[in-house]
Amino acid sequence: MKLFCGRAHPELGLRVAAQLNIELGRLTTTKFADGEIRIMVEESARGNEIFILQPTCAPTNDNVMELFIMLDAFRRASARKITVVMPYYGYARQDKKIKPREPITARMIANFLETSGADRIVAIDLHAEQIPGFFNIPVDHLYGGPILGRYFVERGFSTDPDVVVVSPDVAGVTRAKALAEMLRCPFVVIAKRRPAPNVVEVVEIVGEFKGKRCVMIDDMIDTGGSIISGAQALMDRGAKEVIACATHAVFSRDARTRLQQSCLSEVVVLDTIPNECDCEFKKLTLLPSAPLIADAIRRIHLNESVSELFHDWR
């Protein structure tokens, strides 16, 4: 087994390798004068089981193309099996056709990965549950929720009668319900509408939350609009405190500043995307995803069950 990492998140690659007690594979990535990506694998891959770690986060197009080129390089190097570990799956938000002449980019990326030579995919908290069905190869869908849940359990949230879990939209009810079961508390759902991309309007909040500490959970925080508007609606209607948590910290545009200046008391995310805590974003808490990724890689290599990792997440 060999683990290689692209340029999207080299720090995560080093942490996963340390968890597995192996060295990262030697890989050189440069660019030609015209900006085209050049990949050179610096060690033999013939007959090996190869794991490529590459979240397709910003700059998304560069990271996606780099991943495709790495796959082609290892396929031509006679690797026995290639598993792509994508902590964050880019282009996942267009997962169905809603309007005429719209693409389904999540399916398109799946097609490209298979064509480029991937034999298996590992991803954390895909934006839509149907995405694994876009592939004709095995997909191991990991969940970041248990990591978030254990963080709040350690802080005593599971024994606090004033805690309630909040789903920022109807689509996230399953995720909120699973976290609520871990914290042994009820959950609340925010009904909202999106008149335009990255624009959110809260319509109604279903459930009892007045005087409660609200833990709002989502799969990602992009511009922060959905989380911030939901948190403000909760506070305006009587909530005592609102904490946001998510697996993927996309943080586009000025999201970090807006989140810091919002009514949120804390923002808890995993390190699936490169993000560092800084003095200007004191509310940010980063949780490690490397132990989960390393455990999944180890289980895949040993042909053991991956789903057993989530026995406490239903």
C-alpha atoms as a PDB file:
ATOM      1  CA  MET A   1       0.000   0.000   0.000  1.00  0.00           C
ATOM      2  CA  LYS A   2       1.242   3.473  -0.870  1.00  0.00           C
ATOM      3  CA  LEU A   3      -0.287   6.878  -0.090  1.00  0.00           C
ATOM      4  CA  PHE A   4       0.251   9.878  -2.350  1.00  0.00           C
ATOM      5  CA  CYS A   5      -1.033  13.406  -1.849  1.00  0.00           C
ATOM      6  CA  GLY A   6      -1.688  16.220  -4.293  1.00  0.00           C
ATOM      7  CA  ARG A   7      -1.152  19.905  -3.647  1.00  0.00           C
ATOM      8  CA  ALA A   8      -4.713  20.607  -2.458  1.00  0.00           C
ATOM      9  CA  HIS A   9      -4.049  19.734   1.198  1.00  0.00           C
ATOM     10  CA  PRO A  10      -0.493  18.433   1.824  1.00  0.00           C
ATOM     11  CA  GLU A  11      -0.777  18.964   5.607  1.00  0.00           C
ATOM     12  CA  LEU A  12      -3.710  16.540   5.773  1.00  0.00           C
ATOM     13  CA  GLY A  13      -1.747  14.035   3.699  1.00  0.00           C
ATOM     14  CA  LEU A  14       1.138  14.152   6.192  1.00  0.00           C
ATOM     15  CA  ARG A  15      -1.236  13.697   9.130  1.00  0.00           C
ATOM     16  CA  VAL A  16      -2.946  10.706   7.485  1.00  0.00           C
ATOM     17  CA  ALA A  17       0.426   9.127   6.679  1.00  0.00           C
ATOM     18  CA  ALA A  18       1.485   9.596  10.309  1.00  0.00           C
ATOM     19  CA  GLN A  19      -1.701   7.876  11.488  1.00  0.00           C
ATOM     20  CA  LEU A  20      -0.928   4.959   9.154  1.00  0.00           C
ATOM     21  CA  ASN A  21       2.730   4.929  10.243  1.00  0.00           C
ATOM     22  CA  ILE A  22       3.938   5.144   6.637  1.00  0.00           C
ATOM     23  CA  GLU A  23       5.791   7.698   4.523  1.00  0.00           C
ATOM     24  CA  LEU A  24       4.001   9.720   1.858  1.00  0.00           C
ATOM     25  CA  GLY A  25       4.857   8.579  -1.658  1.00  0.00           C
ATOM     26  CA  ARG A  26       7.250  10.742  -3.643  1.00  0.00           C
ATOM     27  CA  LEU A  27       5.416  12.835  -6.206  1.00  0.00           C
ATOM     28  CA  THR A  28       6.528  15.984  -8.020  1.00  0.00           C
ATOM     29  CA  THR A  29       3.924  18.474  -9.251  1.00  0.00           C
ATOM     30  CA  THR A  30       4.942  21.496 -11.287  1.00  0.00           C
ATOM     31  CA  LYS A  31       3.514  23.627 -14.071  1.00  0.00           C
ATOM     32  CA  PHE A  32       4.633  24.225 -17.614  1.00  0.00           C
ATOM     33  CA  ALA A  33       5.155  27.795 -18.744  1.00  0.00           C
ATOM     34  CA  ASP A  34       1.612  28.017 -20.095  1.00  0.00           C
ATOM     35  CA  GLY A  35       0.074  26.886 -16.778  1.00  0.00           C
ATOM     36  CA  GLU A  36      -0.545  23.225 -17.644  1.00  0.00           C
ATOM     37  CA  ILE A  37      -0.013  20.828 -14.720  1.00  0.00           C
ATOM     38  CA  ARG A  38       2.919  18.409 -14.875  1.00  0.00           C
ATOM     39  CA  ILE A  39       2.966  15.290 -12.669  1.00  0.00           C
ATOM     40  CA  MET A  40       5.970  13.006 -12.113  1.00  0.00           C
ATOM     41  CA  VAL A  41       5.721   9.941  -9.858  1.00  0.00           C
ATOM     42  CA  GLU A  42       9.183   9.521  -8.317  1.00  0.00           C
ATOM     43  CA  GLU A  43       8.901   5.862  -7.224  1.00  0.00           C
ATOM     44  CA  SER A  44       7.600   2.577  -8.577  1.00  0.00           C
ATOM     45  CA  ALA A  45       3.859   1.924  -8.380  1.00  0.00           C
ATOM     46  CA  ARG A  46       3.798  -1.358 -10.312  1.00  0.00           C
ATOM     47  CA  GLY A  47       1.560  -3.907  -8.615  1.00  0.00           C
ATOM     48  CA  ASN A  48       0.893  -1.642  -5.623  1.00  0.00           C
ATOM     49  CA  GLU A  49      -2.394  -0.583  -4.062  1.00  0.00           C
ATOM     50  CA  ILE A  50      -2.341   3.190  -4.462  1.00  0.00           C
ATOM     51  CA  PHE A  51      -4.304   5.730  -2.397  1.00  0.00           C
ATOM     52  CA  ILE A  52      -4.444   9.314  -3.725  1.00  0.00           C
ATOM     53  CA  LEU A  53      -5.555  11.968  -1.239  1.00  0.00           C
ATOM     54  CA  GLN A  54      -6.884  15.122  -2.890  1.00  0.00           C
ATOM     55  CA  PRO A  55      -9.826  17.256  -1.741  1.00  0.00           C
ATOM     56  CA  THR A  56     -11.168  19.124  -4.774  1.00  0.00           C
ATOM     57  CA  CYS A  57     -11.505  22.451  -2.985  1.00  0.00           C
ATOM     58  CA  ALA A  58     -10.431  25.914  -4.158  1.00  0.00           C
ATOM     59  CA  PRO A  59      -8.734  26.436  -6.535  1.00  0.00           C
ATOM     60  CA  THR A  60     -11.216  23.776  -7.618  1.00  0.00           C
ATOM     61  CA  ASN A  61     -10.409  23.542 -11.313  1.00  0.00           C
ATOM     62  CA  ASP A  62      -6.653  23.168 -10.700  1.00  0.00           C
ATOM     63  CA  ASN A  63      -7.158  20.550  -7.988  1.00  0.00           C
ATOM     64  CA  VAL A  64      -9.651  18.548 -10.046  1.00  0.00           C
ATOM     65  CA  MET A  65      -7.389  18.539 -13.093  1.00  0.00           C
ATOM     66  CA  GLU A  66      -4.369  17.622 -10.974  1.00  0.00           C
ATOM     67  CA  LEU A  67      -6.319  14.651  -9.604  1.00  0.00           C
ATOM     68  CA  PHE A  68      -7.226  13.424 -13.090  1.00  0.00           C
ATOM     69  CA  ILE A  69      -3.584  13.676 -14.201  1.00  0.00           C
ATOM     70  CA  MET A  70      -2.376  11.787 -11.108  1.00  0.00           C
ATOM     71  CA  LEU A  71      -4.879   9.023 -11.836  1.00  0.00           C
ATOM     72  CA  ASP A  72      -3.678   8.723 -15.411  1.00  0.00           C
ATOM     73  CA  ALA A  73      -0.049   8.620 -14.261  1.00  0.00           C
ATOM     74  CA  PHE A  74      -0.657   5.770 -11.819  1.00  0.00           C
ATOM     75  CA  ARG A  75      -2.803   3.838 -14.261  1.00  0.00           C
ATOM     76  CA  ARG A  76       0.004   3.992 -16.828  1.00  0.00           C
ATOM     77  CA  ALA A  77       2.500   3.039 -14.094  1.00  0.00           C
ATOM     78  CA  SER A  78       0.716  -0.352 -13.731  1.00  0.00           C
ATOM     79  CA  ALA A  79      -0.728   0.223 -10.259  1.00  0.00           C
ATOM     80  CA  ARG A  80      -2.768  -2.807  -9.169  1.00  0.00           C
ATOM     81  CA  LYS A  81      -5.582  -0.758  -7.640  1.00  0.00           C
ATOM     82  CA  ILE A  82      -6.159   3.008  -7.310  1.00  0.00           C
ATOM     83  CA  THR A  83      -8.379   4.487  -4.597  1.00  0.00           C
ATOM     84  CA  VAL A  84      -9.160   8.204  -4.675  1.00  0.00           C
ATOM     85  CA  VAL A  85      -9.632   9.741  -1.217  1.00  0.00           C
ATOM     86  CA  MET A  86     -11.607  12.966  -1.641  1.00  0.00           C
ATOM     87  CA  PRO A  87     -12.297  14.457   1.794  1.00  0.00           C
ATOM     88  CA  TYR A  88     -14.220  17.186  -0.055  1.00  0.00           C
ATOM     89  CA  TYR A  89     -15.992  16.368  -3.326  1.00  0.00           C
ATOM     90  CA  GLY A  90     -16.084  19.495  -5.492  1.00  0.00           C
ATOM     91  CA  TYR A  91     -18.806  20.276  -8.051  1.00  0.00           C
ATOM     92  CA  ALA A  92     -21.276  18.288  -5.914  1.00  0.00           C
ATOM     93  CA  ARG A  93     -23.956  20.954  -5.526  1.00  0.00           C
ATOM     94  CA  GLN A  94     -25.362  20.453  -9.020  1.00  0.00           C
ATOM     95  CA  ASP A  95     -26.519  16.904  -8.332  1.00  0.00           C
ATOM     96  CA  LYS A  96     -29.834  16.968 -10.216  1.00  0.00           C
ATOM     97  CA  LYS A  97     -31.447  18.809 -13.096  1.00  0.00           C
ATOM     98  CA  ILE A  98     -33.946  21.370 -11.783  1.00  0.00           C
ATOM     99  CA  LYS A  99     -34.207  23.780 -14.710  1.00  0.00           C
ATOM    100  CA  PRO A 100     -33.881  23.239 -18.480  1.00  0.00           C
ATOM    101  CA  ARG A 101     -30.341  23.073 -19.893  1.00  0.00           C
ATOM    102  CA  GLU A 102     -28.703  22.625 -16.481  1.00  0.00           C
ATOM    103  CA  PRO A 103     -25.693  20.294 -16.123  1.00  0.00           C
ATOM    104  CA  ILE A 104     -25.318  17.612 -13.466  1.00  0.00           C
ATOM    105  CA  THR A 105     -21.723  18.304 -12.532  1.00  0.00           C
ATOM    106  CA  ALA A 106     -21.603  15.761  -9.691  1.00  0.00           C
ATOM    107  CA  ARG A 107     -22.248  12.990 -12.242  1.00  0.00           C
ATOM    108  CA  MET A 108     -19.789  14.520 -14.707  1.00  0.00           C
ATOM    109  CA  ILE A 109     -16.971  14.424 -12.133  1.00  0.00           C
ATOM    110  CA  ALA A 110     -17.872  10.801 -11.358  1.00  0.00           C
ATOM    111  CA  ASN A 111     -17.556   9.917 -15.046  1.00  0.00           C
ATOM    112  CA  PHE A 112     -14.183  11.663 -15.314  1.00  0.00           C
ATOM    113  CA  LEU A 113     -12.829   9.871 -12.226  1.00  0.00           C
ATOM    114  CA  GLU A 114     -13.786   6.458 -13.596  1.00  0.00           C
ATOM    115  CA  THR A 115     -12.426   7.231 -17.060  1.00  0.00           C
ATOM    116  CA  SER A 116      -9.146   8.467 -15.577  1.00  0.00           C
ATOM    117  CA  GLY A 117      -8.576   5.150 -13.808  1.00  0.00           C
ATOM    118  CA  ALA A 118     -10.098   5.248 -10.298  1.00  0.00           C
ATOM    119  CA  ASP A 119     -11.089   1.835  -8.905  1.00  0.00           C
ATOM    120  CA  ARG A 120     -12.665   3.077  -5.675  1.00  0.00           C
ATOM    121  CA  ILE A 121     -13.734   6.416  -4.168  1.00  0.00           C
ATOM    122  CA  VAL A 122     -13.611   7.529  -0.538  1.00  0.00           C
ATOM    123  CA  ALA A 123     -15.396  10.774   0.360  1.00  0.00           C
ATOM    124  CA  ILE A 124     -16.587  12.506   3.525  1.00  0.00           C
ATOM    125  CA  ASP A 125     -20.132  13.901   3.803  1.00  0.00           C
ATOM    126  CA  LEU A 126     -21.129  14.161   0.166  1.00  0.00           C
ATOM    127  CA  HIS A 127     -23.487  17.048  -0.521  1.00  0.00           C
ATOM    128  CA  ALA A 128     -26.225  14.677  -1.755  1.00  0.00           C
ATOM    129  CA  GLU A 129     -26.890  11.066  -0.777  1.00  0.00           C
ATOM    130  CA  GLN A 130     -27.476  10.055  -4.412  1.00  0.00           C
ATOM    131  CA  ILE A 131     -23.904  10.873  -5.522  1.00  0.00           C
ATOM    132  CA  PRO A 132     -22.514   7.363  -4.772  1.00  0.00           C
ATOM    133  CA  GLY A 133     -25.086   6.076  -7.273  1.00  0.00           C
ATOM    134  CA  PHE A 134     -23.431   8.153 -10.007  1.00  0.00           C
ATOM    135  CA  PHE A 135     -20.456   5.772  -9.913  1.00  0.00           C
ATOM    136  CA  ASN A 136     -20.069   2.290 -11.369  1.00  0.00           C
ATOM    137  CA  ILE A 137     -17.242   1.581  -8.914  1.00  0.00           C
ATOM    138  CA  PRO A 138     -17.360   1.157  -5.108  1.00  0.00           C
ATOM    139  CA  VAL A 139     -17.814   4.348  -3.074  1.00  0.00           C
ATOM    140  CA  ASP A 140     -17.126   4.519   0.663  1.00  0.00           C
ATOM    141  CA  HIS A 141     -19.132   7.429   2.065  1.00  0.00           C
ATOM    142  CA  LEU A 142     -17.639   8.543   5.382  1.00  0.00           C
ATOM    143  CA  TYR A 143     -19.423  10.778   7.888  1.00  0.00           C
ATOM    144  CA  GLY A 144     -17.919  13.662   9.839  1.00  0.00           C
ATOM    145  CA  GLY A 145     -20.933  13.884  12.144  1.00  0.00           C
ATOM    146  CA  PRO A 146     -19.579  11.447  14.766  1.00  0.00           C
ATOM    147  CA  ILE A 147     -16.422  13.573  15.131  1.00  0.00           C
ATOM    148  CA  LEU A 148     -18.568  16.669  15.695  1.00  0.00           C
ATOM    149  CA  GLY A 149     -20.881  14.748  18.004  1.00  0.00           C
ATOM    150  CA  ARG A 150     -18.053  13.439  20.185  1.00  0.00           C
ATOM    151  CA  TYR A 151     -16.693  16.992  20.488  1.00  0.00           C
ATOM    152  CA  PHE A 152     -20.007  18.209  21.916  1.00  0.00           C
ATOM    153  CA  VAL A 153     -20.422  15.126  24.126  1.00  0.00           C
ATOM    154  CA  GLU A 154     -16.999  15.825  25.659  1.00  0.00           C
ATOM    155  CA  ARG A 155     -18.181  19.368  26.408  1.00  0.00           C
ATOM    156  CA  GLY A 156     -21.192  18.064  28.301  1.00  0.00           C
ATOM    157  CA  PHE A 157     -23.881  18.853  25.727  1.00  0.00           C
ATOM    158  CA  SER A 158     -25.390  15.354  26.005  1.00  0.00           C
ATOM    159  CA  THR A 159     -26.317  15.983  29.647  1.00  0.00           C
ATOM    160  CA  ASP A 160     -27.544  19.575  29.227  1.00  0.00           C
ATOM    161  CA  PRO A 161     -31.380  19.711  29.089  1.00  0.00           C
ATOM    162  CA  ASP A 162     -31.243  23.079  27.320  1.00  0.00           C
ATOM    163  CA  VAL A 163     -29.494  21.773  24.161  1.00  0.00           C
ATOM    164  CA  VAL A 164     -31.320  21.372  20.839  1.00  0.00           C
ATOM    165  CA  VAL A 165     -29.918  20.438  17.403  1.00  0.00           C
ATOM    166  CA  VAL A 166     -30.979  22.543  14.421  1.00  0.00           C
ATOM    167  CA  SER A 167     -31.079  21.614  10.737  1.00  0.00           C
ATOM    168  CA  PRO A 168     -30.640  24.772   8.591  1.00  0.00           C
ATOM    169  CA  ASP A 169     -32.908  23.274   5.898  1.00  0.00           C
ATOM    170  CA  VAL A 170     -35.255  20.371   5.248  1.00  0.00           C
ATOM    171  CA  ALA A 171     -32.591  18.463   3.298  1.00  0.00           C
ATOM    172  CA  GLY A 172     -30.393  18.205   6.391  1.00  0.00           C
ATOM    173  CA  VAL A 173     -32.987  16.607   8.678  1.00  0.00           C
ATOM    174  CA  THR A 174     -31.326  13.170   8.634  1.00  0.00           C
ATOM    175  CA  ARG A 175     -27.972  14.671   9.660  1.00  0.00           C
ATOM    176  CA  ALA A 176     -29.567  16.749  12.445  1.00  0.00           C
ATOM    177  CA  LYS A 177     -31.542  13.760  13.716  1.00  0.00           C
ATOM    178  CA  ALA A 178     -28.384  11.631  13.944  1.00  0.00           C
ATOM    179  CA  LEU A 179     -26.547  14.334  15.926  1.00  0.00           C
ATOM    180  CA  ALA A 180     -29.589  14.821  18.169  1.00  0.00           C
ATOM    181  CA  GLU A 181     -29.546  11.113  18.997  1.00  0.00           C
ATOM    182  CA  MET A 182     -25.856  11.328  19.930  1.00  0.00           C
ATOM    183  CA  LEU A 183     -26.550  14.336  22.175  1.00  0.00           C
ATOM    184  CA  ARG A 184     -29.840  12.841  23.491  1.00  0.00           C
ATOM    185  CA  CYS A 185     -31.804  15.981  22.689  1.00  0.00           C
ATOM    186  CA  PRO A 186     -34.615  17.099  20.336  1.00  0.00           C
ATOM    187  CA  PHE A 187     -34.008  18.709  16.951  1.00  0.00           C
ATOM    188  CA  VAL A 188     -35.477  21.683  15.103  1.00  0.00           C
ATOM    189  CA  VAL A 189     -35.822  22.350  11.368  1.00  0.00           C
ATOM    190  CA  ILE A 190     -35.548  25.722   9.614  1.00  0.00           C
ATOM    191  CA  ALA A 191     -37.709  26.059   6.517  1.00  0.00           C
ATOM    192  CA  LYS A 192     -36.138  28.461   4.027  1.00  0.00           C
ATOM    193  CA  ARG A 193     -36.161  29.451   0.389  1.00  0.00           C
ATOM    194  CA  ARG A 194     -33.353  30.373  -1.994  1.00  0.00           C
ATOM    195  CA  PRO A 195     -34.452  33.107  -4.412  1.00  0.00           C
ATOM    196  CA  ALA A 196     -30.937  33.084  -5.913  1.00  0.00           C
ATOM    197  CA  PRO A 197     -27.638  31.190  -5.430  1.00  0.00           C
ATOM    198  CA  ASN A 198     -26.068  31.975  -2.028  1.00  0.00           C
ATOM    199  CA  VAL A 199     -29.180  34.002  -1.063  1.00  0.00           C
ATOM    200  CA  VAL A 200     -31.317  32.603   1.775  1.00  0.00           C
ATOM    201  CA  GLU A 201     -34.646  33.632   3.301  1.00  0.00           C
ATOM    202  CA  VAL A 202     -35.934  31.968   6.491  1.00  0.00           C
ATOM    203  CA  VAL A 203     -39.634  31.147   6.165  1.00  0.00           C
ATOM    204  CA  GLU A 204     -40.387  29.266   9.404  1.00  0.00           C
ATOM    205  CA  ILE A 205     -38.728  27.377  12.261  1.00  0.00           C
ATOM    206  CA  VAL A 206     -40.368  24.090  13.223  1.00  0.00           C
ATOM    207  CA  GLY A 207     -39.788  22.897  16.801  1.00  0.00           C
ATOM    208  CA  GLU A 208     -39.154  24.238  20.295  1.00  0.00           C
ATOM    209  CA  PHE A 209     -35.941  26.228  20.699  1.00  0.00           C
ATOM    210  CA  LYS A 210     -36.725  29.294  22.849  1.00  0.00           C
ATOM    211  CA  GLY A 211     -34.287  29.610  25.740  1.00  0.00           C
ATOM    212  CA  LYS A 212     -32.196  26.754  24.313  1.00  0.00           C
ATOM    213  CA  ARG A 213     -28.565  26.326  23.263  1.00  0.00           C
ATOM    214  CA  CYS A 214     -28.850  25.575  19.556  1.00  0.00           C
ATOM    215  CA  VAL A 215     -26.295  23.448  17.698  1.00  0.00           C
ATOM    216  CA  MET A 216     -26.793  24.020  13.971  1.00  0.00           C
ATOM    217  CA  ILE A 217     -25.252  21.309  11.768  1.00  0.00           C
ATOM    218  CA  ASP A 218     -24.660  21.288   8.003  1.00  0.00           C
ATOM    219  CA  ASP A 219     -22.418  19.462   5.549  1.00  0.00           C
ATOM    220  CA  MET A 220     -20.541  22.626   4.526  1.00  0.00           C
ATOM    221  CA  ILE A 221     -20.238  26.343   5.193  1.00  0.00           C
ATOM    222  CA  ASP A 222     -19.618  28.237   1.958  1.00  0.00           C
ATOM    223  CA  THR A 223     -20.336  31.971   2.082  1.00  0.00           C
ATOM    224  CA  GLY A 224     -21.954  31.538   5.487  1.00  0.00           C
ATOM    225  CA  GLY A 225     -25.255  33.053   4.358  1.00  0.00           C
ATOM    226  CA  SER A 226     -27.429  30.076   5.256  1.00  0.00           C
ATOM    227  CA  ILE A 227     -25.844  29.523   8.667  1.00  0.00           C
ATOM    228  CA  ILE A 228     -25.771  33.216   9.613  1.00  0.00           C
ATOM    229  CA  SER A 229     -29.359  33.929   8.567  1.00  0.00           C
ATOM    230  CA  GLY A 230     -30.575  30.818  10.368  1.00  0.00           C
ATOM    231  CA  ALA A 231     -28.659  31.703  13.521  1.00  0.00           C
ATOM    232  CA  GLN A 232     -29.982  35.271  13.482  1.00  0.00           C
ATOM    233  CA  ALA A 233     -33.554  34.010  13.054  1.00  0.00           C
ATOM    234  CA  LEU A 234     -33.106  31.685  16.029  1.00  0.00           C
ATOM    235  CA  MET A 235     -31.694  34.448  18.229  1.00  0.00           C
ATOM    236  CA  ASP A 236     -34.387  36.929  17.182  1.00  0.00           C
ATOM    237  CA  ARG A 237     -37.058  34.391  18.161  1.00  0.00           C
ATOM    238  CA  GLY A 238     -35.716  33.557  21.597  1.00  0.00           C
ATOM    239  CA  ALA A 239     -32.744  31.163  21.382  1.00  0.00           C
ATOM    240  CA  LYS A 240     -30.134  31.556  24.137  1.00  0.00           C
ATOM    241  CA  GLU A 241     -27.084  30.635  22.046  1.00  0.00           C
ATOM    242  CA  VAL A 242     -26.288  29.308  18.568  1.00  0.00           C
ATOM    243  CA  ILE A 243     -23.236  27.213  17.666  1.00  0.00           C
ATOM    244  CA  ALA A 244     -22.584  26.237  14.046  1.00  0.00           C
ATOM    245  CA  CYS A 245     -20.847  23.027  13.052  1.00  0.00           C
ATOM    246  CA  ALA A 246     -20.096  21.508   9.658  1.00  0.00           C
ATOM    247  CA  THR A 247     -17.792  19.016   7.999  1.00  0.00           C
ATOM    248  CA  HIS A 248     -16.396  21.198   5.215  1.00  0.00           C
ATOM    249  CA  ALA A 249     -15.163  24.759   5.815  1.00  0.00           C
ATOM    250  CA  VAL A 250     -15.327  26.146   2.275  1.00  0.00           C
ATOM    251  CA  PHE A 251     -15.387  29.771   3.520  1.00  0.00           C
ATOM    252  CA  SER A 252     -15.778  31.584   0.182  1.00  0.00           C
ATOM    253  CA  ARG A 253     -15.462  35.346  -0.235  1.00  0.00           C
ATOM    254  CA  ASP A 254     -15.588  37.130   3.154  1.00  0.00           C
ATOM    255  CA  ALA A 255     -17.204  34.222   5.011  1.00  0.00           C
ATOM    256  CA  ARG A 256     -14.630  34.192   7.807  1.00  0.00           C
ATOM    257  CA  THR A 257     -15.223  37.861   8.626  1.00  0.00           C
ATOM    258  CA  ARG A 258     -19.014  37.521   8.417  1.00  0.00           C
ATOM    259  CA  LEU A 259     -19.024  34.464  10.672  1.00  0.00           C
ATOM    260  CA  GLN A 260     -16.786  36.181  13.220  1.00  0.00           C
ATOM    261  CA  GLN A 261     -19.061  39.237  13.296  1.00  0.00           C
ATOM    262  CA  SER A 262     -22.293  37.198  13.435  1.00  0.00           C
ATOM    263  CA  CYS A 263     -24.351  36.190  16.474  1.00  0.00           C
ATOM    264  CA  LEU A 264     -22.773  32.712  16.436  1.00  0.00           C
ATOM    265  CA  SER A 265     -20.786  31.911  19.566  1.00  0.00           C
ATOM    266  CA  GLU A 266     -18.619  29.237  17.897  1.00  0.00           C
ATOM    267  CA  VAL A 267     -17.981  27.674  14.470  1.00  0.00           C
ATOM    268  CA  VAL A 268     -16.806  24.038  14.636  1.00  0.00           C
ATOM    269  CA  VAL A 269     -15.516  22.386  11.433  1.00  0.00           C
ATOM    270  CA  LEU A 270     -13.298  19.524  10.281  1.00  0.00           C
ATOM    271  CA  ASP A 271      -9.971  20.060   8.503  1.00  0.00           C
ATOM    272  CA  THR A 272     -11.044  18.390   5.234  1.00  0.00           C
ATOM    273  CA  ILE A 273     -10.202  21.688   3.487  1.00  0.00           C
ATOM    274  CA  PRO A 274      -7.088  23.769   4.289  1.00  0.00           C
ATOM    275  CA  ASN A 275      -8.022  26.272   6.998  1.00  0.00           C
ATOM    276  CA  GLU A 276      -5.969  27.643   9.814  1.00  0.00           C
ATOM    277  CA  CYS A 277      -7.179  29.292  13.005  1.00  0.00           C
ATOM    278  CA  ASP A 278      -6.106  32.935  13.233  1.00  0.00           C
ATOM    279  CA  CYS A 279      -6.521  35.854  15.601  1.00  0.00           C
ATOM    280  CA  GLU A 280      -9.160  37.433  13.359  1.00  0.00           C
ATOM    281  CA  PHE A 281     -11.419  34.381  13.497  1.00  0.00           C
ATOM    282  CA  LYS A 282     -11.450  33.506  17.187  1.00  0.00           C
ATOM    283  CA  LYS A 283     -14.756  31.644  16.927  1.00  0.00           C
ATOM    284  CA  LEU A 284     -13.265  28.920  14.687  1.00  0.00           C
ATOM    285  CA  THR A 285     -12.589  25.450  16.116  1.00  0.00           C
ATOM    286  CA  LEU A 286     -10.869  22.896  13.854  1.00  0.00           C
ATOM    287  CA  LEU A 287     -11.290  19.163  14.482  1.00  0.00           C
ATOM    288  CA  PRO A 288      -8.969  16.540  12.909  1.00  0.00           C
ATOM    289  CA  SER A 289     -10.243  14.284  10.129  1.00  0.00           C
ATOM    290  CA  ALA A 290      -6.964  12.371   9.655  1.00  0.00           C
ATOM    291  CA  PRO A 291      -7.797   9.563  12.154  1.00  0.00           C
ATOM    292  CA  LEU A 292     -11.077   8.844  10.334  1.00  0.00           C
ATOM    293  CA  ILE A 293      -9.459   8.895   6.883  1.00  0.00           C
ATOM    294  CA  ALA A 294      -6.539   6.742   8.000  1.00  0.00           C
ATOM    295  CA  ASP A 295      -8.851   4.197   9.643  1.00  0.00           C
ATOM    296  CA  ALA A 296     -10.933   3.972   6.451  1.00  0.00           C
ATOM    297  CA  ILE A 297      -7.803   3.486   4.311  1.00  0.00           C
ATOM    298  CA  ARG A 298      -6.531   0.781   6.663  1.00  0.00           C
ATOM    299  CA  ARG A 299      -9.870  -1.051   6.585  1.00  0.00           C
ATOM    300  CA  ILE A 300     -10.081  -0.885   2.781  1.00  0.00           C
ATOM    301  CA  HIS A 301      -6.536  -2.233   2.468  1.00  0.00           C
ATOM    302  CA  LEU A 302      -7.303  -5.105   4.865  1.00  0.00           C
ATOM    303  CA  ASN A 303     -10.741  -5.817   3.318  1.00  0.00           C
ATOM    304  CA  GLU A 304     -12.513  -4.942   6.578  1.00  0.00           C
ATOM    305  CA  SER A 305     -15.866  -3.227   7.061  1.00  0.00           C
ATOM    306  CA  VAL A 306     -15.857   0.569   6.744  1.00  0.00           C
ATOM    307  CA  SER A 307     -19.468   0.996   7.869  1.00  0.00           C
ATOM    308  CA  GLU A 308     -18.546  -0.246  11.360  1.00  0.00           C
ATOM    309  CA  LEU A 309     -16.854   3.131  11.886  1.00  0.00           C
ATOM    310  CA  PHE A 310     -20.311   4.681  12.130  1.00  0.00           C
ATOM    311  CA  HIS A 311     -22.143   2.379  14.505  1.00  0.00           C
ATOM    312  CA  ASP A 312     -23.090   5.427  16.621  1.00  0.00           C
ATOM    313  CA  TRP A 313     -24.285   7.476  13.639  1.00  0.00           C
ATOM    314  CA  ARG A 314     -27.647   6.461  12.213  1.00  0.00           C
END
